[in-house]
Amino acid sequence: MRTVYEREIANAAKIERAIVQGTARLCNPAFGRACKGVWPIKTAETLAALVGCAVRTAAYEISGEREPSARSVAALISEITKRP
């Protein structure tokens, strides 16, 4: 019988294996493509500044590793619909 600590290590190993073997689920890349179209230079930094999150979080959302937050989607829509 495993202890709690051993069980957590086994679960972490399963997650690492899924990422390394490529079975990790990625989100829809449409958000990332739209962000790259609106902000072609320093995309993650710009999104992070507008939303108020970490650059790493914005990069995960753009790459599709994480679902975009509502604030990120709102910032993108606001930038797209901005009138000149």
PDB file of N, CA and C in Angstrom:
ATOM      1  N   MET A   1       0.843  -1.176   0.000  1.00  0.00           N
ATOM      2  CA  MET A   1       0.000   0.000   0.000  1.00  0.00           C
ATOM      3  C   MET A   1       0.892   1.244   0.000  1.00  0.00           C
ATOM      4  N   ARG A   2       0.547   2.170  -0.865  1.00  0.00           N
ATOM      5  CA  ARG A   2       1.361   3.369  -1.006  1.00  0.00           C
ATOM      6  C   ARG A   2       0.970   4.439  -0.013  1.00  0.00           C
ATOM      7  N   THR A   3       1.961   5.216   0.353  1.00  0.00           N
ATOM      8  CA  THR A   3       1.673   6.368   1.195  1.00  0.00           C
ATOM      9  C   THR A   3       1.192   7.504   0.303  1.00  0.00           C
ATOM     10  N   VAL A   4       0.703   8.543   0.908  1.00  0.00           N
ATOM     11  CA  VAL A   4       0.211   9.690   0.151  1.00  0.00           C
ATOM     12  C   VAL A   4       1.333  10.294  -0.684  1.00  0.00           C
ATOM     13  N   TYR A   5       2.506  10.393  -0.097  1.00  0.00           N
ATOM     14  CA  TYR A   5       3.656  10.965  -0.800  1.00  0.00           C
ATOM     15  C   TYR A   5       4.016  10.139  -2.032  1.00  0.00           C
ATOM     16  N   GLU A   6       4.041   8.819  -1.894  1.00  0.00           N
ATOM     17  CA  GLU A   6       4.367   7.957  -3.028  1.00  0.00           C
ATOM     18  C   GLU A   6       3.313   8.058  -4.121  1.00  0.00           C
ATOM     19  N   ARG A   7       2.056   8.189  -3.729  1.00  0.00           N
ATOM     20  CA  ARG A   7       0.967   8.322  -4.696  1.00  0.00           C
ATOM     21  C   ARG A   7       1.107   9.619  -5.488  1.00  0.00           C
ATOM     22  N   GLU A   8       1.481  10.711  -4.812  1.00  0.00           N
ATOM     23  CA  GLU A   8       1.676  11.991  -5.487  1.00  0.00           C
ATOM     24  C   GLU A   8       2.839  11.923  -6.469  1.00  0.00           C
ATOM     25  N   ILE A   9       3.898  11.233  -6.093  1.00  0.00           N
ATOM     26  CA  ILE A   9       5.045  11.076  -6.995  1.00  0.00           C
ATOM     27  C   ILE A   9       4.628  10.269  -8.225  1.00  0.00           C
ATOM     28  N   ALA A  10       3.846   9.227  -8.036  1.00  0.00           N
ATOM     29  CA  ALA A  10       3.385   8.414  -9.154  1.00  0.00           C
ATOM     30  C   ALA A  10       2.487   9.235 -10.088  1.00  0.00           C
ATOM     31  N   ASN A  11       1.617  10.062  -9.531  1.00  0.00           N
ATOM     32  CA  ASN A  11       0.751  10.906 -10.357  1.00  0.00           C
ATOM     33  C   ASN A  11       1.564  11.926 -11.139  1.00  0.00           C
ATOM     34  N   ALA A  12       2.569  12.512 -10.511  1.00  0.00           N
ATOM     35  CA  ALA A  12       3.435  13.474 -11.198  1.00  0.00           C
ATOM     36  C   ALA A  12       4.180  12.788 -12.341  1.00  0.00           C
ATOM     37  N   ALA A  13       4.611  11.562 -12.127  1.00  0.00           N
ATOM     38  CA  ALA A  13       5.316  10.824 -13.177  1.00  0.00           C
ATOM     39  C   ALA A  13       4.383  10.560 -14.359  1.00  0.00           C
ATOM     40  N   LYS A  14       3.117  10.244 -14.091  1.00  0.00           N
ATOM     41  CA  LYS A  14       2.152  10.023 -15.172  1.00  0.00           C
ATOM     42  C   LYS A  14       1.956  11.292 -15.991  1.00  0.00           C
ATOM     43  N   ILE A  15       1.855  12.433 -15.314  1.00  0.00           N
ATOM     44  CA  ILE A  15       1.662  13.704 -16.017  1.00  0.00           C
ATOM     45  C   ILE A  15       2.882  14.022 -16.872  1.00  0.00           C
ATOM     46  N   GLU A  16       4.077  13.854 -16.312  1.00  0.00           N
ATOM     47  CA  GLU A  16       5.301  14.110 -17.077  1.00  0.00           C
ATOM     48  C   GLU A  16       5.383  13.194 -18.284  1.00  0.00           C
ATOM     49  N   ARG A  17       5.015  11.941 -18.101  1.00  0.00           N
ATOM     50  CA  ARG A  17       5.043  10.989 -19.202  1.00  0.00           C
ATOM     51  C   ARG A  17       4.077  11.418 -20.304  1.00  0.00           C
ATOM     52  N   ALA A  18       2.894  11.905 -19.937  1.00  0.00           N
ATOM     53  CA  ALA A  18       1.913  12.339 -20.923  1.00  0.00           C
ATOM     54  C   ALA A  18       2.430  13.539 -21.718  1.00  0.00           C
ATOM     55  N   ILE A  19       3.115  14.438 -21.043  1.00  0.00           N
ATOM     56  CA  ILE A  19       3.640  15.616 -21.731  1.00  0.00           C
ATOM     57  C   ILE A  19       4.788  15.220 -22.660  1.00  0.00           C
ATOM     58  N   VAL A  20       5.692  14.385 -22.182  1.00  0.00           N
ATOM     59  CA  VAL A  20       6.851  13.979 -22.982  1.00  0.00           C
ATOM     60  C   VAL A  20       6.420  13.143 -24.173  1.00  0.00           C
ATOM     61  N   GLN A  21       5.459  12.261 -23.986  1.00  0.00           N
ATOM     62  CA  GLN A  21       5.026  11.387 -25.068  1.00  0.00           C
ATOM     63  C   GLN A  21       4.072  12.079 -26.028  1.00  0.00           C
ATOM     64  N   GLY A  22       3.644  13.277 -25.710  1.00  0.00           N
ATOM     65  CA  GLY A  22       2.807  14.020 -26.633  1.00  0.00           C
ATOM     66  C   GLY A  22       1.326  13.733 -26.521  1.00  0.00           C
ATOM     67  N   THR A  23       0.872  13.144 -25.439  1.00  0.00           N
ATOM     68  CA  THR A  23      -0.557  12.863 -25.300  1.00  0.00           C
ATOM     69  C   THR A  23      -1.267  13.948 -24.500  1.00  0.00           C
ATOM     70  N   ALA A  24      -0.557  15.018 -24.165  1.00  0.00           N
ATOM     71  CA  ALA A  24      -1.191  16.113 -23.436  1.00  0.00           C
ATOM     72  C   ALA A  24      -2.180  16.822 -24.362  1.00  0.00           C
ATOM     73  N   ARG A  25      -3.311  17.208 -23.826  1.00  0.00           N
ATOM     74  CA  ARG A  25      -4.356  17.848 -24.601  1.00  0.00           C
ATOM     75  C   ARG A  25      -4.048  19.334 -24.757  1.00  0.00           C
ATOM     76  N   LEU A  26      -4.045  19.795 -25.994  1.00  0.00           N
ATOM     77  CA  LEU A  26      -3.847  21.211 -26.254  1.00  0.00           C
ATOM     78  C   LEU A  26      -5.186  21.831 -26.624  1.00  0.00           C
ATOM     79  N   CYS A  27      -5.339  23.095 -26.288  1.00  0.00           N
ATOM     80  CA  CYS A  27      -6.573  23.810 -26.570  1.00  0.00           C
ATOM     81  C   CYS A  27      -6.581  24.269 -28.024  1.00  0.00           C
ATOM     82  N   ASN A  28      -7.674  24.849 -28.426  1.00  0.00           N
ATOM     83  CA  ASN A  28      -7.832  25.356 -29.777  1.00  0.00           C
ATOM     84  C   ASN A  28      -6.813  26.465 -30.034  1.00  0.00           C
ATOM     85  N   PRO A  29      -6.056  26.384 -31.127  1.00  0.00           N
ATOM     86  CA  PRO A  29      -5.026  27.393 -31.391  1.00  0.00           C
ATOM     87  C   PRO A  29      -5.562  28.690 -31.998  1.00  0.00           C
ATOM     88  N   ALA A  30      -6.868  28.821 -32.187  1.00  0.00           N
ATOM     89  CA  ALA A  30      -7.423  30.019 -32.821  1.00  0.00           C
ATOM     90  C   ALA A  30      -7.145  31.272 -32.003  1.00  0.00           C
ATOM     91  N   PHE A  31      -7.202  31.176 -30.681  1.00  0.00           N
ATOM     92  CA  PHE A  31      -6.931  32.337 -29.833  1.00  0.00           C
ATOM     93  C   PHE A  31      -5.497  32.811 -30.035  1.00  0.00           C
ATOM     94  N   GLY A  32      -4.554  31.891 -30.072  1.00  0.00           N
ATOM     95  CA  GLY A  32      -3.154  32.246 -30.265  1.00  0.00           C
ATOM     96  C   GLY A  32      -2.904  32.876 -31.626  1.00  0.00           C
ATOM     97  N   ARG A  33      -3.529  32.335 -32.669  1.00  0.00           N
ATOM     98  CA  ARG A  33      -3.362  32.913 -34.005  1.00  0.00           C
ATOM     99  C   ARG A  33      -3.932  34.317 -34.064  1.00  0.00           C
ATOM    100  N   ALA A  34      -5.088  34.522 -33.417  1.00  0.00           N
ATOM    101  CA  ALA A  34      -5.688  35.859 -33.411  1.00  0.00           C
ATOM    102  C   ALA A  34      -4.794  36.844 -32.659  1.00  0.00           C
ATOM    103  N   CYS A  35      -4.239  36.417 -31.541  1.00  0.00           N
ATOM    104  CA  CYS A  35      -3.338  37.290 -30.781  1.00  0.00           C
ATOM    105  C   CYS A  35      -2.102  37.642 -31.591  1.00  0.00           C
ATOM    106  N   LYS A  36      -1.534  36.650 -32.284  1.00  0.00           N
ATOM    107  CA  LYS A  36      -0.343  36.909 -33.108  1.00  0.00           C
ATOM    108  C   LYS A  36      -0.677  37.860 -34.255  1.00  0.00           C
ATOM    109  N   GLY A  37      -1.899  37.796 -34.760  1.00  0.00           N
ATOM    110  CA  GLY A  37      -2.303  38.709 -35.831  1.00  0.00           C
ATOM    111  C   GLY A  37      -2.465  40.138 -35.339  1.00  0.00           C
ATOM    112  N   VAL A  38      -2.985  40.289 -34.128  1.00  0.00           N
ATOM    113  CA  VAL A  38      -3.219  41.623 -33.577  1.00  0.00           C
ATOM    114  C   VAL A  38      -1.922  42.221 -33.031  1.00  0.00           C
ATOM    115  N   TRP A  39      -1.147  41.414 -32.319  1.00  0.00           N
ATOM    116  CA  TRP A  39       0.114  41.870 -31.722  1.00  0.00           C
ATOM    117  C   TRP A  39       1.252  40.994 -32.256  1.00  0.00           C
ATOM    118  N   PRO A  40       1.789  41.273 -33.442  1.00  0.00           N
ATOM    119  CA  PRO A  40       2.810  40.387 -34.012  1.00  0.00           C
ATOM    120  C   PRO A  40       4.155  40.422 -33.284  1.00  0.00           C
ATOM    121  N   ILE A  41       4.447  41.491 -32.572  1.00  0.00           N
ATOM    122  CA  ILE A  41       5.724  41.604 -31.860  1.00  0.00           C
ATOM    123  C   ILE A  41       5.439  41.577 -30.361  1.00  0.00           C
ATOM    124  N   LYS A  42       6.182  40.707 -29.636  1.00  0.00           N
ATOM    125  CA  LYS A  42       6.037  40.564 -28.186  1.00  0.00           C
ATOM    126  C   LYS A  42       4.565  40.313 -27.797  1.00  0.00           C
ATOM    127  N   THR A  43       4.008  39.288 -28.383  1.00  0.00           N
ATOM    128  CA  THR A  43       2.593  38.972 -28.190  1.00  0.00           C
ATOM    129  C   THR A  43       2.268  38.682 -26.729  1.00  0.00           C
ATOM    130  N   ALA A  44       3.015  37.812 -26.106  1.00  0.00           N
ATOM    131  CA  ALA A  44       2.729  37.427 -24.721  1.00  0.00           C
ATOM    132  C   ALA A  44       2.908  38.611 -23.775  1.00  0.00           C
ATOM    133  N   GLU A  45       3.938  39.402 -23.998  1.00  0.00           N
ATOM    134  CA  GLU A  45       4.185  40.555 -23.136  1.00  0.00           C
ATOM    135  C   GLU A  45       3.063  41.581 -23.243  1.00  0.00           C
ATOM    136  N   THR A  46       2.582  41.813 -24.469  1.00  0.00           N
ATOM    137  CA  THR A  46       1.502  42.773 -24.682  1.00  0.00           C
ATOM    138  C   THR A  46       0.208  42.294 -24.031  1.00  0.00           C
ATOM    139  N   LEU A  47      -0.125  41.030 -24.247  1.00  0.00           N
ATOM    140  CA  LEU A  47      -1.344  40.483 -23.647  1.00  0.00           C
ATOM    141  C   LEU A  47      -1.265  40.514 -22.126  1.00  0.00           C
ATOM    142  N   ALA A  48      -0.121  40.170 -21.576  1.00  0.00           N
ATOM    143  CA  ALA A  48       0.050  40.181 -20.121  1.00  0.00           C
ATOM    144  C   ALA A  48      -0.111  41.588 -19.563  1.00  0.00           C
ATOM    145  N   ALA A  49       0.405  42.574 -20.270  1.00  0.00           N
ATOM    146  CA  ALA A  49       0.287  43.957 -19.805  1.00  0.00           C
ATOM    147  C   ALA A  49      -1.164  44.426 -19.835  1.00  0.00           C
ATOM    148  N   LEU A  50      -1.899  44.040 -20.852  1.00  0.00           N
ATOM    149  CA  LEU A  50      -3.304  44.459 -20.959  1.00  0.00           C
ATOM    150  C   LEU A  50      -4.191  43.763 -19.929  1.00  0.00           C
ATOM    151  N   VAL A  51      -3.908  42.492 -19.693  1.00  0.00           N
ATOM    152  CA  VAL A  51      -4.753  41.697 -18.804  1.00  0.00           C
ATOM    153  C   VAL A  51      -4.340  41.847 -17.347  1.00  0.00           C
ATOM    154  N   GLY A  52      -3.060  42.023 -17.121  1.00  0.00           N
ATOM    155  CA  GLY A  52      -2.566  42.100 -15.753  1.00  0.00           C
ATOM    156  C   GLY A  52      -2.202  40.745 -15.190  1.00  0.00           C
ATOM    157  N   CYS A  53      -1.699  39.885 -16.042  1.00  0.00           N
ATOM    158  CA  CYS A  53      -1.275  38.558 -15.598  1.00  0.00           C
ATOM    159  C   CYS A  53       0.212  38.403 -15.872  1.00  0.00           C
ATOM    160  N   ALA A  54       0.756  37.258 -15.519  1.00  0.00           N
ATOM    161  CA  ALA A  54       2.164  36.980 -15.768  1.00  0.00           C
ATOM    162  C   ALA A  54       2.390  36.697 -17.253  1.00  0.00           C
ATOM    163  N   VAL A  55       3.582  36.998 -17.723  1.00  0.00           N
ATOM    164  CA  VAL A  55       3.917  36.756 -19.127  1.00  0.00           C
ATOM    165  C   VAL A  55       3.849  35.262 -19.428  1.00  0.00           C
ATOM    166  N   ARG A  56       4.257  34.442 -18.482  1.00  0.00           N
ATOM    167  CA  ARG A  56       4.207  32.990 -18.675  1.00  0.00           C
ATOM    168  C   ARG A  56       2.769  32.512 -18.854  1.00  0.00           C
ATOM    169  N   THR A  57       1.852  33.067 -18.078  1.00  0.00           N
ATOM    170  CA  THR A  57       0.443  32.700 -18.210  1.00  0.00           C
ATOM    171  C   THR A  57      -0.079  33.077 -19.586  1.00  0.00           C
ATOM    172  N   ALA A  58       0.251  34.281 -20.028  1.00  0.00           N
ATOM    173  CA  ALA A  58      -0.176  34.718 -21.358  1.00  0.00           C
ATOM    174  C   ALA A  58       0.428  33.833 -22.440  1.00  0.00           C
ATOM    175  N   ALA A  59       1.683  33.449 -22.272  1.00  0.00           N
ATOM    176  CA  ALA A  59       2.330  32.576 -23.255  1.00  0.00           C
ATOM    177  C   ALA A  59       1.648  31.214 -23.315  1.00  0.00           C
ATOM    178  N   TYR A  60       1.258  30.675 -22.168  1.00  0.00           N
ATOM    179  CA  TYR A  60       0.535  29.400 -22.151  1.00  0.00           C
ATOM    180  C   TYR A  60      -0.806  29.520 -22.876  1.00  0.00           C
ATOM    181  N   GLU A  61      -1.498  30.623 -22.680  1.00  0.00           N
ATOM    182  CA  GLU A  61      -2.782  30.815 -23.352  1.00  0.00           C
ATOM    183  C   GLU A  61      -2.596  30.948 -24.859  1.00  0.00           C
ATOM    184  N   ILE A  62      -1.564  31.659 -25.284  1.00  0.00           N
ATOM    185  CA  ILE A  62      -1.316  31.856 -26.706  1.00  0.00           C
ATOM    186  C   ILE A  62      -0.887  30.551 -27.371  1.00  0.00           C
ATOM    187  N   SER A  63      -0.083  29.763 -26.680  1.00  0.00           N
ATOM    188  CA  SER A  63       0.403  28.506 -27.259  1.00  0.00           C
ATOM    189  C   SER A  63      -0.672  27.429 -27.303  1.00  0.00           C
ATOM    190  N   GLY A  64      -1.735  27.593 -26.534  1.00  0.00           N
ATOM    191  CA  GLY A  64      -2.789  26.589 -26.512  1.00  0.00           C
ATOM    192  C   GLY A  64      -2.636  25.567 -25.416  1.00  0.00           C
ATOM    193  N   GLU A  65      -1.662  25.756 -24.538  1.00  0.00           N
ATOM    194  CA  GLU A  65      -1.485  24.826 -23.424  1.00  0.00           C
ATOM    195  C   GLU A  65      -2.514  25.055 -22.331  1.00  0.00           C
ATOM    196  N   ARG A  66      -3.138  26.206 -22.336  1.00  0.00           N
ATOM    197  CA  ARG A  66      -4.136  26.551 -21.325  1.00  0.00           C
ATOM    198  C   ARG A  66      -5.268  27.316 -22.019  1.00  0.00           C
ATOM    199  N   GLU A  67      -6.484  27.102 -21.555  1.00  0.00           N
ATOM    200  CA  GLU A  67      -7.618  27.857 -22.098  1.00  0.00           C
ATOM    201  C   GLU A  67      -7.435  29.329 -21.780  1.00  0.00           C
ATOM    202  N   PRO A  68      -7.757  30.214 -22.707  1.00  0.00           N
ATOM    203  CA  PRO A  68      -7.625  31.645 -22.414  1.00  0.00           C
ATOM    204  C   PRO A  68      -8.651  32.092 -21.372  1.00  0.00           C
ATOM    205  N   SER A  69      -8.225  32.995 -20.513  1.00  0.00           N
ATOM    206  CA  SER A  69      -9.135  33.510 -19.493  1.00  0.00           C
ATOM    207  C   SER A  69     -10.126  34.478 -20.126  1.00  0.00           C
ATOM    208  N   ALA A  70     -11.177  34.778 -19.407  1.00  0.00           N
ATOM    209  CA  ALA A  70     -12.183  35.707 -19.904  1.00  0.00           C
ATOM    210  C   ALA A  70     -11.572  37.095 -20.107  1.00  0.00           C
ATOM    211  N   ARG A  71     -10.660  37.479 -19.222  1.00  0.00           N
ATOM    212  CA  ARG A  71     -10.001  38.784 -19.368  1.00  0.00           C
ATOM    213  C   ARG A  71      -9.140  38.824 -20.624  1.00  0.00           C
ATOM    214  N   SER A  72      -8.493  37.728 -20.951  1.00  0.00           N
ATOM    215  CA  SER A  72      -7.677  37.672 -22.164  1.00  0.00           C
ATOM    216  C   SER A  72      -8.537  37.770 -23.412  1.00  0.00           C
ATOM    217  N   VAL A  73      -9.634  37.051 -23.414  1.00  0.00           N
ATOM    218  CA  VAL A  73     -10.549  37.100 -24.554  1.00  0.00           C
ATOM    219  C   VAL A  73     -11.129  38.510 -24.691  1.00  0.00           C
ATOM    220  N   ALA A  74     -11.496  39.127 -23.572  1.00  0.00           N
ATOM    221  CA  ALA A  74     -12.036  40.485 -23.610  1.00  0.00           C
ATOM    222  C   ALA A  74     -11.002  41.477 -24.135  1.00  0.00           C
ATOM    223  N   ALA A  75      -9.741  41.321 -23.739  1.00  0.00           N
ATOM    224  CA  ALA A  75      -8.691  42.216 -24.226  1.00  0.00           C
ATOM    225  C   ALA A  75      -8.503  42.063 -25.729  1.00  0.00           C
ATOM    226  N   LEU A  76      -8.558  40.838 -26.215  1.00  0.00           N
ATOM    227  CA  LEU A  76      -8.414  40.598 -27.649  1.00  0.00           C
ATOM    228  C   LEU A  76      -9.582  41.193 -28.419  1.00  0.00           C
ATOM    229  N   ILE A  77     -10.787  40.951 -27.946  1.00  0.00           N
ATOM    230  CA  ILE A  77     -11.966  41.498 -28.622  1.00  0.00           C
ATOM    231  C   ILE A  77     -11.941  43.019 -28.600  1.00  0.00           C
ATOM    232  N   SER A  78     -11.539  43.599 -27.490  1.00  0.00           N
ATOM    233  CA  SER A  78     -11.451  45.052 -27.382  1.00  0.00           C
ATOM    234  C   SER A  78     -10.445  45.624 -28.384  1.00  0.00           C
ATOM    235  N   GLU A  79      -9.330  44.942 -28.543  1.00  0.00           N
ATOM    236  CA  GLU A  79      -8.311  45.406 -29.481  1.00  0.00           C
ATOM    237  C   GLU A  79      -8.777  45.246 -30.926  1.00  0.00           C
ATOM    238  N   ILE A  80      -9.483  44.165 -31.216  1.00  0.00           N
ATOM    239  CA  ILE A  80      -9.967  43.932 -32.582  1.00  0.00           C
ATOM    240  C   ILE A  80     -11.027  44.948 -32.967  1.00  0.00           C
ATOM    241  N   THR A  81     -11.910  45.262 -32.015  1.00  0.00           N
ATOM    242  CA  THR A  81     -13.031  46.158 -32.329  1.00  0.00           C
ATOM    243  C   THR A  81     -12.717  47.624 -32.069  1.00  0.00           C
ATOM    244  N   LYS A  82     -11.472  47.925 -31.749  1.00  0.00           N
ATOM    245  CA  LYS A  82     -11.073  49.308 -31.492  1.00  0.00           C
ATOM    246  C   LYS A  82     -11.247  50.133 -32.768  1.00  0.00           C
ATOM    247  N   ARG A  83     -11.871  51.297 -32.609  1.00  0.00           N
ATOM    248  CA  ARG A  83     -12.088  52.146 -33.773  1.00  0.00           C
ATOM    249  C   ARG A  83     -10.881  53.061 -33.984  1.00  0.00           C
ATOM    250  N   PRO A  84     -10.469  53.244 -35.254  1.00  0.00           N
ATOM    251  CA  PRO A  84      -9.314  54.087 -35.523  1.00  0.00           C
ATOM    252  C   PRO A  84      -9.574  55.564 -35.333  1.00  0.00           C
TER     253      PRO A  84
END
